[in-house]
Amino acid sequence: MARKTDKDKGKAEKGRAKGKGGAADRLRLREVLRVPPGGGRIDLRRSDPRAIPAGPTGKAAGVAATAAMAERLASLQERLYASATAGDRRRVLLVLQGMDTSGKGGTVKHVIGLFNPSGCRVRAFKAPTPEELEHPFLWRVANALPRPGEIGIFDRSHYEDVLIARVRELVPRSTLGRRYGQINRFEQDLADDGVTLVKVFLHIGYEEQRERLLERLDDPDKHWKFSPADIEERAVWPAYQEAYEKALERCSTEAAPWYLVPADRKWYRNWAVSRLLLEHLEALDPQYPKGEFDVEECRTRLLST
């Protein structure tokens, strides 16, 4: 077998970045990263947050491959947005969960930045307000859902009510146990109503989080991102890992599966989330609605003006 030259390797790398027949173009990433429904025990300690399960194997190729998806993603988003004008109720909801510094905000910036903002609805969930606490825990989430034709992005979500609520023991365990079932029924209802859920757990390592927190401390321009509470949360890291494991195990369903994305490498995180969105949008295959008017008659009238 002839040995590949550096020039040959370069051509292959460019082909993969552009999606022209490369392995990244053929794979279905959602099958690789999907947490199987009823798949048994999840052990995050055995999942490498620096892993590259599929796709580009280097930063340069990953960044190029992400950029190469931009045009296709934008086209599909526009078609989805346009289809709503003809009564298509379908929409997409991207749920981003992960420990502090896992890159939820960065994902929104680098991935959702590829879309037309008019067709997106971004919501970052913080601690519940007094008004929100007066309602069932899913109430505030239901009020933030994307409308037909839109792509919704949740930076944190209803899962906080089985994550921090579990770690900090904010509700009785009996209440907590019922919430998993409530979430599954809620998400099934969303799927039945035309919502495609893309739930992504950004899996960051303990050491990587410390490095990112140190970067925030060392840069005055990033102090606004830091809170002393971040250090306190690290003290209960094992409890959070267990809470995430429970959520992944109990709430990865056929209608709304979880995807486990290694997030230590920011470029891979961005590529993987972009790829997941692309695959789901291509599966939806939204179409531009046909104009309900006589094109030639309108052309004639317009030319006469």
C-alpha atoms as a PDB file:
ATOM      1  CA  MET A   1       0.000   0.000   0.000  1.00  0.00           C
ATOM      2  CA  ALA A   2       1.396   3.384  -0.980  1.00  0.00           C
ATOM      3  CA  ARG A   3       2.319   5.657   1.868  1.00  0.00           C
ATOM      4  CA  LYS A   4       0.308   8.874   2.080  1.00  0.00           C
ATOM      5  CA  THR A   5       2.293  12.064   1.667  1.00  0.00           C
ATOM      6  CA  ASP A   6       1.781  15.179   3.771  1.00  0.00           C
ATOM      7  CA  LYS A   7       0.029  16.688   0.751  1.00  0.00           C
ATOM      8  CA  ASP A   8      -2.387  13.752   0.572  1.00  0.00           C
ATOM      9  CA  LYS A   9      -3.093  14.025   4.300  1.00  0.00           C
ATOM     10  CA  GLY A  10      -3.751  17.744   3.916  1.00  0.00           C
ATOM     11  CA  LYS A  11      -6.280  17.135   1.149  1.00  0.00           C
ATOM     12  CA  ALA A  12      -8.036  14.502   3.237  1.00  0.00           C
ATOM     13  CA  GLU A  13      -8.152  16.852   6.235  1.00  0.00           C
ATOM     14  CA  LYS A  14      -9.676  19.627   4.095  1.00  0.00           C
ATOM     15  CA  GLY A  15     -12.213  17.179   2.699  1.00  0.00           C
ATOM     16  CA  ARG A  16     -13.280  16.195   6.193  1.00  0.00           C
ATOM     17  CA  ALA A  17     -13.559  19.830   7.265  1.00  0.00           C
ATOM     18  CA  LYS A  18     -15.800  20.609   4.290  1.00  0.00           C
ATOM     19  CA  GLY A  19     -17.872  17.483   4.852  1.00  0.00           C
ATOM     20  CA  LYS A  20     -17.124  16.086   1.371  1.00  0.00           C
ATOM     21  CA  GLY A  21     -17.387  12.375   1.933  1.00  0.00           C
ATOM     22  CA  GLY A  22     -15.262  12.284   5.060  1.00  0.00           C
ATOM     23  CA  ALA A  23     -16.008  10.115   8.081  1.00  0.00           C
ATOM     24  CA  ALA A  24     -17.528  13.062   9.928  1.00  0.00           C
ATOM     25  CA  ASP A  25     -20.028  13.472   7.098  1.00  0.00           C
ATOM     26  CA  ARG A  26     -21.111   9.814   7.177  1.00  0.00           C
ATOM     27  CA  LEU A  27     -21.422   9.265  10.897  1.00  0.00           C
ATOM     28  CA  ARG A  28     -24.550   9.834  12.911  1.00  0.00           C
ATOM     29  CA  LEU A  29     -23.180  11.524  15.970  1.00  0.00           C
ATOM     30  CA  ARG A  30     -26.478  11.237  17.789  1.00  0.00           C
ATOM     31  CA  GLU A  31     -26.029   7.455  17.750  1.00  0.00           C
ATOM     32  CA  VAL A  32     -22.489   7.741  19.126  1.00  0.00           C
ATOM     33  CA  LEU A  33     -23.228  10.186  21.969  1.00  0.00           C
ATOM     34  CA  ARG A  34     -26.755   9.103  22.829  1.00  0.00           C
ATOM     35  CA  VAL A  35     -27.474   7.811  26.317  1.00  0.00           C
ATOM     36  CA  PRO A  36     -29.595   4.703  25.603  1.00  0.00           C
ATOM     37  CA  PRO A  37     -33.079   4.745  27.138  1.00  0.00           C
ATOM     38  CA  GLY A  38     -33.097   2.316  30.032  1.00  0.00           C
ATOM     39  CA  GLY A  39     -29.423   1.741  29.367  1.00  0.00           C
ATOM     40  CA  GLY A  40     -28.574   0.943  32.960  1.00  0.00           C
ATOM     41  CA  ARG A  41     -26.068   2.517  35.297  1.00  0.00           C
ATOM     42  CA  ILE A  42     -24.224   5.642  34.143  1.00  0.00           C
ATOM     43  CA  ASP A  43     -20.757   6.124  35.635  1.00  0.00           C
ATOM     44  CA  LEU A  44     -19.337   9.522  34.716  1.00  0.00           C
ATOM     45  CA  ARG A  45     -16.014   8.620  36.288  1.00  0.00           C
ATOM     46  CA  ARG A  46     -15.498   6.167  33.429  1.00  0.00           C
ATOM     47  CA  SER A  47     -16.389   8.750  30.781  1.00  0.00           C
ATOM     48  CA  ASP A  48     -13.360  10.745  29.634  1.00  0.00           C
ATOM     49  CA  PRO A  49     -14.226  14.476  29.343  1.00  0.00           C
ATOM     50  CA  ARG A  50     -11.281  14.879  26.936  1.00  0.00           C
ATOM     51  CA  ALA A  51     -12.393  12.059  24.661  1.00  0.00           C
ATOM     52  CA  ILE A  52     -13.042  12.463  20.941  1.00  0.00           C
ATOM     53  CA  PRO A  53     -15.628   9.722  20.319  1.00  0.00           C
ATOM     54  CA  ALA A  54     -16.083  10.611  16.637  1.00  0.00           C
ATOM     55  CA  GLY A  55     -15.405  13.366  14.154  1.00  0.00           C
ATOM     56  CA  PRO A  56     -12.365  15.628  13.712  1.00  0.00           C
ATOM     57  CA  THR A  57      -9.362  14.616  15.781  1.00  0.00           C
ATOM     58  CA  GLY A  58      -7.587  17.966  15.984  1.00  0.00           C
ATOM     59  CA  LYS A  59      -8.483  21.537  16.853  1.00  0.00           C
ATOM     60  CA  ALA A  60      -7.762  23.062  13.439  1.00  0.00           C
ATOM     61  CA  ALA A  61      -9.876  20.461  11.651  1.00  0.00           C
ATOM     62  CA  GLY A  62     -12.614  20.769  14.265  1.00  0.00           C
ATOM     63  CA  VAL A  63     -12.857  24.537  13.980  1.00  0.00           C
ATOM     64  CA  ALA A  64     -12.915  24.275  10.180  1.00  0.00           C
ATOM     65  CA  ALA A  65     -15.576  21.564  10.249  1.00  0.00           C
ATOM     66  CA  THR A  66     -17.761  23.659  12.559  1.00  0.00           C
ATOM     67  CA  ALA A  67     -17.439  26.658  10.247  1.00  0.00           C
ATOM     68  CA  ALA A  68     -18.258  24.444   7.261  1.00  0.00           C
ATOM     69  CA  MET A  69     -21.618  23.543   8.838  1.00  0.00           C
ATOM     70  CA  ALA A  70     -22.688  27.168   9.211  1.00  0.00           C
ATOM     71  CA  GLU A  71     -24.296  27.614   5.802  1.00  0.00           C
ATOM     72  CA  ARG A  72     -26.252  24.362   5.984  1.00  0.00           C
ATOM     73  CA  LEU A  73     -27.430  25.071   9.527  1.00  0.00           C
ATOM     74  CA  ALA A  74     -28.537  28.585   8.605  1.00  0.00           C
ATOM     75  CA  SER A  75     -30.450  27.282   5.586  1.00  0.00           C
ATOM     76  CA  LEU A  76     -32.268  24.626   7.597  1.00  0.00           C
ATOM     77  CA  GLN A  77     -33.109  27.114  10.331  1.00  0.00           C
ATOM     78  CA  GLU A  78     -34.577  29.538   7.797  1.00  0.00           C
ATOM     79  CA  ARG A  79     -36.658  26.775   6.248  1.00  0.00           C
ATOM     80  CA  LEU A  80     -37.954  25.739   9.676  1.00  0.00           C
ATOM     81  CA  TYR A  81     -38.822  29.345  10.513  1.00  0.00           C
ATOM     82  CA  ALA A  82     -40.554  29.840   7.151  1.00  0.00           C
ATOM     83  CA  SER A  83     -42.520  26.598   7.427  1.00  0.00           C
ATOM     84  CA  ALA A  84     -44.356  27.946  10.474  1.00  0.00           C
ATOM     85  CA  THR A  85     -46.097  30.508   8.264  1.00  0.00           C
ATOM     86  CA  ALA A  86     -47.853  27.579   6.569  1.00  0.00           C
ATOM     87  CA  GLY A  87     -48.989  26.037   9.847  1.00  0.00           C
ATOM     88  CA  ASP A  88     -46.059  23.715  10.534  1.00  0.00           C
ATOM     89  CA  ARG A  89     -45.875  23.455  14.337  1.00  0.00           C
ATOM     90  CA  ARG A  90     -42.468  21.814  14.521  1.00  0.00           C
ATOM     91  CA  ARG A  91     -39.629  23.420  16.465  1.00  0.00           C
ATOM     92  CA  VAL A  92     -36.371  22.472  18.158  1.00  0.00           C
ATOM     93  CA  LEU A  93     -35.363  22.796  21.806  1.00  0.00           C
ATOM     94  CA  LEU A  94     -31.664  22.541  22.687  1.00  0.00           C
ATOM     95  CA  VAL A  95     -31.179  21.887  26.405  1.00  0.00           C
ATOM     96  CA  LEU A  96     -27.659  22.569  27.728  1.00  0.00           C
ATOM     97  CA  GLN A  97     -26.715  21.208  31.137  1.00  0.00           C
ATOM     98  CA  GLY A  98     -23.362  20.865  32.849  1.00  0.00           C
ATOM     99  CA  MET A  99     -21.236  21.958  35.757  1.00  0.00           C
ATOM    100  CA  ASP A 100     -20.079  25.576  36.021  1.00  0.00           C
ATOM    101  CA  THR A 101     -17.551  26.435  33.265  1.00  0.00           C
ATOM    102  CA  SER A 102     -18.627  23.426  31.172  1.00  0.00           C
ATOM    103  CA  GLY A 103     -19.351  25.848  28.346  1.00  0.00           C
ATOM    104  CA  LYS A 104     -23.090  26.394  28.207  1.00  0.00           C
ATOM    105  CA  GLY A 105     -22.660  30.099  27.468  1.00  0.00           C
ATOM    106  CA  GLY A 106     -19.777  29.426  25.093  1.00  0.00           C
ATOM    107  CA  THR A 107     -21.892  26.942  23.184  1.00  0.00           C
ATOM    108  CA  VAL A 108     -24.658  29.498  22.791  1.00  0.00           C
ATOM    109  CA  LYS A 109     -22.121  32.051  21.524  1.00  0.00           C
ATOM    110  CA  HIS A 110     -20.279  29.828  19.047  1.00  0.00           C
ATOM    111  CA  VAL A 111     -23.037  27.513  17.865  1.00  0.00           C
ATOM    112  CA  ILE A 112     -26.236  29.519  18.058  1.00  0.00           C
ATOM    113  CA  GLY A 113     -24.318  32.442  16.588  1.00  0.00           C
ATOM    114  CA  LEU A 114     -24.601  30.583  13.283  1.00  0.00           C
ATOM    115  CA  PHE A 115     -28.364  31.165  13.237  1.00  0.00           C
ATOM    116  CA  ASN A 116     -30.600  34.125  12.461  1.00  0.00           C
ATOM    117  CA  PRO A 117     -31.504  35.561  15.906  1.00  0.00           C
ATOM    118  CA  SER A 118     -35.074  36.273  14.802  1.00  0.00           C
ATOM    119  CA  GLY A 119     -35.728  32.526  14.707  1.00  0.00           C
ATOM    120  CA  CYS A 120     -34.124  31.728  18.069  1.00  0.00           C
ATOM    121  CA  ARG A 121     -35.334  31.972  21.641  1.00  0.00           C
ATOM    122  CA  VAL A 122     -32.576  31.814  24.278  1.00  0.00           C
ATOM    123  CA  ARG A 123     -33.307  31.471  27.980  1.00  0.00           C
ATOM    124  CA  ALA A 124     -30.779  31.213  30.801  1.00  0.00           C
ATOM    125  CA  PHE A 125     -32.418  29.806  33.928  1.00  0.00           C
ATOM    126  CA  LYS A 126     -31.228  31.196  37.252  1.00  0.00           C
ATOM    127  CA  ALA A 127     -32.488  30.587  40.772  1.00  0.00           C
ATOM    128  CA  PRO A 128     -36.316  30.658  40.790  1.00  0.00           C
ATOM    129  CA  THR A 129     -37.958  34.006  41.499  1.00  0.00           C
ATOM    130  CA  PRO A 130     -40.577  34.347  44.268  1.00  0.00           C
ATOM    131  CA  GLU A 131     -43.288  34.280  41.596  1.00  0.00           C
ATOM    132  CA  GLU A 132     -41.871  31.110  40.029  1.00  0.00           C
ATOM    133  CA  LEU A 133     -41.693  29.404  43.417  1.00  0.00           C
ATOM    134  CA  GLU A 134     -45.454  29.872  43.744  1.00  0.00           C
ATOM    135  CA  HIS A 135     -45.984  27.516  40.781  1.00  0.00           C
ATOM    136  CA  PRO A 136     -45.074  23.881  39.997  1.00  0.00           C
ATOM    137  CA  PHE A 137     -41.420  23.580  38.985  1.00  0.00           C
ATOM    138  CA  LEU A 138     -42.189  23.059  35.280  1.00  0.00           C
ATOM    139  CA  TRP A 139     -44.245  26.242  35.043  1.00  0.00           C
ATOM    140  CA  ARG A 140     -41.401  28.613  34.249  1.00  0.00           C
ATOM    141  CA  VAL A 141     -40.010  26.208  31.674  1.00  0.00           C
ATOM    142  CA  ALA A 142     -43.351  25.872  29.887  1.00  0.00           C
ATOM    143  CA  ASN A 143     -43.489  29.670  29.597  1.00  0.00           C
ATOM    144  CA  ALA A 144     -40.100  29.792  27.856  1.00  0.00           C
ATOM    145  CA  LEU A 145     -40.652  27.161  25.164  1.00  0.00           C
ATOM    146  CA  PRO A 146     -39.896  27.963  21.508  1.00  0.00           C
ATOM    147  CA  ARG A 147     -42.820  28.791  19.268  1.00  0.00           C
ATOM    148  CA  PRO A 148     -43.489  26.919  16.012  1.00  0.00           C
ATOM    149  CA  GLY A 149     -40.606  27.440  13.603  1.00  0.00           C
ATOM    150  CA  GLU A 150     -38.168  28.545  16.287  1.00  0.00           C
ATOM    151  CA  ILE A 151     -35.067  27.015  17.787  1.00  0.00           C
ATOM    152  CA  GLY A 152     -35.108  27.359  21.558  1.00  0.00           C
ATOM    153  CA  ILE A 153     -31.971  27.185  23.670  1.00  0.00           C
ATOM    154  CA  PHE A 154     -32.044  26.554  27.405  1.00  0.00           C
ATOM    155  CA  ASP A 155     -28.896  27.450  29.352  1.00  0.00           C
ATOM    156  CA  ARG A 156     -29.770  25.209  32.307  1.00  0.00           C
ATOM    157  CA  SER A 157     -33.340  24.023  32.471  1.00  0.00           C
ATOM    158  CA  HIS A 158     -35.996  22.099  34.399  1.00  0.00           C
ATOM    159  CA  TYR A 159     -33.251  19.624  35.275  1.00  0.00           C
ATOM    160  CA  GLU A 160     -31.965  22.016  37.918  1.00  0.00           C
ATOM    161  CA  ASP A 161     -34.917  20.798  39.970  1.00  0.00           C
ATOM    162  CA  VAL A 162     -33.437  17.291  40.130  1.00  0.00           C
ATOM    163  CA  LEU A 163     -29.799  18.435  40.258  1.00  0.00           C
ATOM    164  CA  ILE A 164     -29.169  21.259  42.725  1.00  0.00           C
ATOM    165  CA  ALA A 165     -32.422  20.309  44.448  1.00  0.00           C
ATOM    166  CA  ARG A 166     -30.954  16.849  45.044  1.00  0.00           C
ATOM    167  CA  VAL A 167     -27.459  17.978  46.038  1.00  0.00           C
ATOM    168  CA  ARG A 168     -28.635  20.720  48.392  1.00  0.00           C
ATOM    169  CA  GLU A 169     -31.646  18.732  49.622  1.00  0.00           C
ATOM    170  CA  LEU A 170     -34.055  21.532  48.759  1.00  0.00           C
ATOM    171  CA  VAL A 171     -37.034  19.167  48.566  1.00  0.00           C
ATOM    172  CA  PRO A 172     -37.881  15.828  50.192  1.00  0.00           C
ATOM    173  CA  ARG A 173     -36.531  12.740  48.418  1.00  0.00           C
ATOM    174  CA  SER A 174     -40.082  11.561  47.768  1.00  0.00           C
ATOM    175  CA  THR A 175     -40.793  14.793  45.869  1.00  0.00           C
ATOM    176  CA  LEU A 176     -37.515  14.481  44.012  1.00  0.00           C
ATOM    177  CA  GLY A 177     -38.338  10.946  42.938  1.00  0.00           C
ATOM    178  CA  ARG A 178     -41.661  12.011  41.438  1.00  0.00           C
ATOM    179  CA  ARG A 179     -40.025  14.775  39.431  1.00  0.00           C
ATOM    180  CA  TYR A 180     -38.207  12.393  37.094  1.00  0.00           C
ATOM    181  CA  GLY A 181     -41.533  10.970  35.996  1.00  0.00           C
ATOM    182  CA  GLN A 182     -43.039  14.439  35.665  1.00  0.00           C
ATOM    183  CA  ILE A 183     -40.136  15.515  33.469  1.00  0.00           C
ATOM    184  CA  ASN A 184     -40.502  12.448  31.232  1.00  0.00           C
ATOM    185  CA  ARG A 185     -44.228  13.038  30.770  1.00  0.00           C
ATOM    186  CA  PHE A 186     -43.648  16.742  30.125  1.00  0.00           C
ATOM    187  CA  GLU A 187     -41.033  16.005  27.468  1.00  0.00           C
ATOM    188  CA  GLN A 188     -43.215  13.333  25.855  1.00  0.00           C
ATOM    189  CA  ASP A 189     -46.023  15.887  25.570  1.00  0.00           C
ATOM    190  CA  LEU A 190     -43.584  18.318  23.949  1.00  0.00           C
ATOM    191  CA  ALA A 191     -42.476  15.694  21.440  1.00  0.00           C
ATOM    192  CA  ASP A 192     -46.113  14.872  20.650  1.00  0.00           C
ATOM    193  CA  ASP A 193     -46.680  18.579  19.982  1.00  0.00           C
ATOM    194  CA  GLY A 194     -43.884  18.824  17.426  1.00  0.00           C
ATOM    195  CA  VAL A 195     -40.899  19.718  19.613  1.00  0.00           C
ATOM    196  CA  THR A 196     -37.602  18.014  18.784  1.00  0.00           C
ATOM    197  CA  LEU A 197     -35.613  17.890  22.011  1.00  0.00           C
ATOM    198  CA  VAL A 198     -31.819  17.856  21.871  1.00  0.00           C
ATOM    199  CA  LYS A 199     -30.651  17.433  25.459  1.00  0.00           C
ATOM    200  CA  VAL A 200     -26.898  17.845  25.858  1.00  0.00           C
ATOM    201  CA  PHE A 201     -24.875  17.138  28.982  1.00  0.00           C
ATOM    202  CA  LEU A 202     -21.534  18.962  28.684  1.00  0.00           C
ATOM    203  CA  HIS A 203     -19.177  16.655  30.559  1.00  0.00           C
ATOM    204  CA  ILE A 204     -16.245  18.604  32.015  1.00  0.00           C
ATOM    205  CA  GLY A 205     -13.487  17.192  34.205  1.00  0.00           C
ATOM    206  CA  TYR A 206     -12.721  18.262  37.761  1.00  0.00           C
ATOM    207  CA  GLU A 207      -9.201  19.480  36.913  1.00  0.00           C
ATOM    208  CA  GLU A 208     -10.340  21.263  33.771  1.00  0.00           C
ATOM    209  CA  GLN A 209     -12.956  23.162  35.755  1.00  0.00           C
ATOM    210  CA  ARG A 210     -10.295  24.364  38.196  1.00  0.00           C
ATOM    211  CA  GLU A 211      -8.158  25.655  35.313  1.00  0.00           C
ATOM    212  CA  ARG A 212     -11.093  27.552  33.831  1.00  0.00           C
ATOM    213  CA  LEU A 213     -12.011  29.067  37.191  1.00  0.00           C
ATOM    214  CA  LEU A 214      -8.386  30.146  37.661  1.00  0.00           C
ATOM    215  CA  GLU A 215      -8.483  31.802  34.229  1.00  0.00           C
ATOM    216  CA  ARG A 216     -11.473  33.821  35.371  1.00  0.00           C
ATOM    217  CA  LEU A 217      -9.675  34.896  38.536  1.00  0.00           C
ATOM    218  CA  ASP A 218      -6.551  35.848  36.610  1.00  0.00           C
ATOM    219  CA  ASP A 219      -8.423  38.013  34.094  1.00  0.00           C
ATOM    220  CA  PRO A 220     -10.201  41.096  35.561  1.00  0.00           C
ATOM    221  CA  ASP A 221     -12.437  41.179  32.500  1.00  0.00           C
ATOM    222  CA  LYS A 222     -13.813  37.781  33.506  1.00  0.00           C
ATOM    223  CA  HIS A 223     -14.387  38.475  37.181  1.00  0.00           C
ATOM    224  CA  TRP A 224     -18.072  39.025  36.452  1.00  0.00           C
ATOM    225  CA  LYS A 225     -18.264  35.335  35.531  1.00  0.00           C
ATOM    226  CA  PHE A 226     -16.779  34.205  38.834  1.00  0.00           C
ATOM    227  CA  SER A 227     -18.491  33.688  42.158  1.00  0.00           C
ATOM    228  CA  PRO A 228     -16.974  32.442  45.432  1.00  0.00           C
ATOM    229  CA  ALA A 229     -19.900  30.021  45.454  1.00  0.00           C
ATOM    230  CA  ASP A 230     -18.203  28.230  42.537  1.00  0.00           C
ATOM    231  CA  ILE A 231     -15.552  27.008  44.992  1.00  0.00           C
ATOM    232  CA  GLU A 232     -18.218  25.811  47.405  1.00  0.00           C
ATOM    233  CA  GLU A 233     -19.923  23.877  44.620  1.00  0.00           C
ATOM    234  CA  ARG A 234     -16.642  22.089  43.847  1.00  0.00           C
ATOM    235  CA  ALA A 235     -16.684  20.754  47.399  1.00  0.00           C
ATOM    236  CA  VAL A 236     -19.763  18.699  46.518  1.00  0.00           C
ATOM    237  CA  TRP A 237     -18.561  17.627  43.059  1.00  0.00           C
ATOM    238  CA  PRO A 238     -19.199  13.892  43.712  1.00  0.00           C
ATOM    239  CA  ALA A 239     -22.783  14.658  44.736  1.00  0.00           C
ATOM    240  CA  TYR A 240     -23.358  16.613  41.528  1.00  0.00           C
ATOM    241  CA  GLN A 241     -21.877  13.807  39.443  1.00  0.00           C
ATOM    242  CA  GLU A 242     -24.282  11.386  41.113  1.00  0.00           C
ATOM    243  CA  ALA A 243     -27.202  13.754  40.510  1.00  0.00           C
ATOM    244  CA  TYR A 244     -26.314  14.008  36.811  1.00  0.00           C
ATOM    245  CA  GLU A 245     -25.960  10.247  36.558  1.00  0.00           C
ATOM    246  CA  LYS A 246     -29.473   9.818  37.968  1.00  0.00           C
ATOM    247  CA  ALA A 247     -30.901  12.390  35.551  1.00  0.00           C
ATOM    248  CA  LEU A 248     -29.196  10.756  32.566  1.00  0.00           C
ATOM    249  CA  GLU A 249     -30.322   7.294  33.620  1.00  0.00           C
ATOM    250  CA  ARG A 250     -33.921   8.132  34.405  1.00  0.00           C
ATOM    251  CA  CYS A 251     -34.675  10.817  31.808  1.00  0.00           C
ATOM    252  CA  SER A 252     -33.079   9.556  28.594  1.00  0.00           C
ATOM    253  CA  THR A 253     -36.117   8.364  26.662  1.00  0.00           C
ATOM    254  CA  GLU A 254     -37.002   7.487  23.077  1.00  0.00           C
ATOM    255  CA  ALA A 255     -38.812  10.811  22.735  1.00  0.00           C
ATOM    256  CA  ALA A 256     -36.129  12.892  24.462  1.00  0.00           C
ATOM    257  CA  PRO A 257     -32.734  11.191  24.727  1.00  0.00           C
ATOM    258  CA  TRP A 258     -29.694  12.682  26.427  1.00  0.00           C
ATOM    259  CA  TYR A 259     -26.424  13.205  24.565  1.00  0.00           C
ATOM    260  CA  LEU A 260     -23.187  13.043  26.530  1.00  0.00           C
ATOM    261  CA  VAL A 261     -20.673  15.475  24.998  1.00  0.00           C
ATOM    262  CA  PRO A 262     -17.052  15.502  26.269  1.00  0.00           C
ATOM    263  CA  ALA A 263     -16.465  19.197  27.003  1.00  0.00           C
ATOM    264  CA  ASP A 264     -12.855  19.611  28.123  1.00  0.00           C
ATOM    265  CA  ARG A 265     -11.915  20.499  24.548  1.00  0.00           C
ATOM    266  CA  LYS A 266     -13.935  23.580  23.653  1.00  0.00           C
ATOM    267  CA  TRP A 267     -13.499  23.116  19.917  1.00  0.00           C
ATOM    268  CA  TYR A 268     -14.846  19.568  20.128  1.00  0.00           C
ATOM    269  CA  ARG A 269     -17.781  20.676  22.272  1.00  0.00           C
ATOM    270  CA  ASN A 270     -18.725  23.290  19.663  1.00  0.00           C
ATOM    271  CA  TRP A 271     -18.362  20.858  16.780  1.00  0.00           C
ATOM    272  CA  ALA A 272     -20.374  18.131  18.517  1.00  0.00           C
ATOM    273  CA  VAL A 273     -23.311  20.367  19.442  1.00  0.00           C
ATOM    274  CA  SER A 274     -23.348  21.890  15.949  1.00  0.00           C
ATOM    275  CA  ARG A 275     -23.326  18.415  14.454  1.00  0.00           C
ATOM    276  CA  LEU A 276     -26.136  17.197  16.695  1.00  0.00           C
ATOM    277  CA  LEU A 277     -28.296  20.158  15.701  1.00  0.00           C
ATOM    278  CA  LEU A 278     -27.493  19.616  12.035  1.00  0.00           C
ATOM    279  CA  GLU A 279     -28.494  15.954  12.176  1.00  0.00           C
ATOM    280  CA  HIS A 280     -31.787  16.716  13.894  1.00  0.00           C
ATOM    281  CA  LEU A 281     -32.650  19.548  11.513  1.00  0.00           C
ATOM    282  CA  GLU A 282     -31.829  17.379   8.505  1.00  0.00           C
ATOM    283  CA  ALA A 283     -34.095  14.668   9.910  1.00  0.00           C
ATOM    284  CA  LEU A 284     -36.912  17.219  10.159  1.00  0.00           C
ATOM    285  CA  ASP A 285     -36.188  18.368   6.584  1.00  0.00           C
ATOM    286  CA  PRO A 286     -38.338  21.531   6.778  1.00  0.00           C
ATOM    287  CA  GLN A 287     -39.445  23.000   3.470  1.00  0.00           C
ATOM    288  CA  TYR A 288     -40.189  26.513   2.296  1.00  0.00           C
ATOM    289  CA  PRO A 289     -43.971  26.951   1.932  1.00  0.00           C
ATOM    290  CA  LYS A 290     -45.309  27.522  -1.543  1.00  0.00           C
ATOM    291  CA  GLY A 291     -46.623  30.977  -2.339  1.00  0.00           C
ATOM    292  CA  GLU A 292     -50.390  31.111  -2.656  1.00  0.00           C
ATOM    293  CA  PHE A 293     -50.439  33.628  -5.481  1.00  0.00           C
ATOM    294  CA  ASP A 294     -49.955  33.741  -9.251  1.00  0.00           C
ATOM    295  CA  VAL A 295     -46.218  34.314  -9.703  1.00  0.00           C
ATOM    296  CA  GLU A 296     -46.419  35.320 -13.383  1.00  0.00           C
ATOM    297  CA  GLU A 297     -49.323  37.694 -12.809  1.00  0.00           C
ATOM    298  CA  CYS A 298     -47.421  39.382  -9.986  1.00  0.00           C
ATOM    299  CA  ARG A 299     -44.301  39.570 -12.140  1.00  0.00           C
ATOM    300  CA  THR A 300     -46.234  41.246 -14.934  1.00  0.00           C
ATOM    301  CA  ARG A 301     -47.814  43.753 -12.588  1.00  0.00           C
ATOM    302  CA  LEU A 302     -44.469  44.534 -10.943  1.00  0.00           C
ATOM    303  CA  LEU A 303     -42.707  45.099 -14.267  1.00  0.00           C
ATOM    304  CA  SER A 304     -45.444  47.487 -15.326  1.00  0.00           C
ATOM    305  CA  THR A 305     -44.798  49.802 -12.385  1.00  0.00           C
END
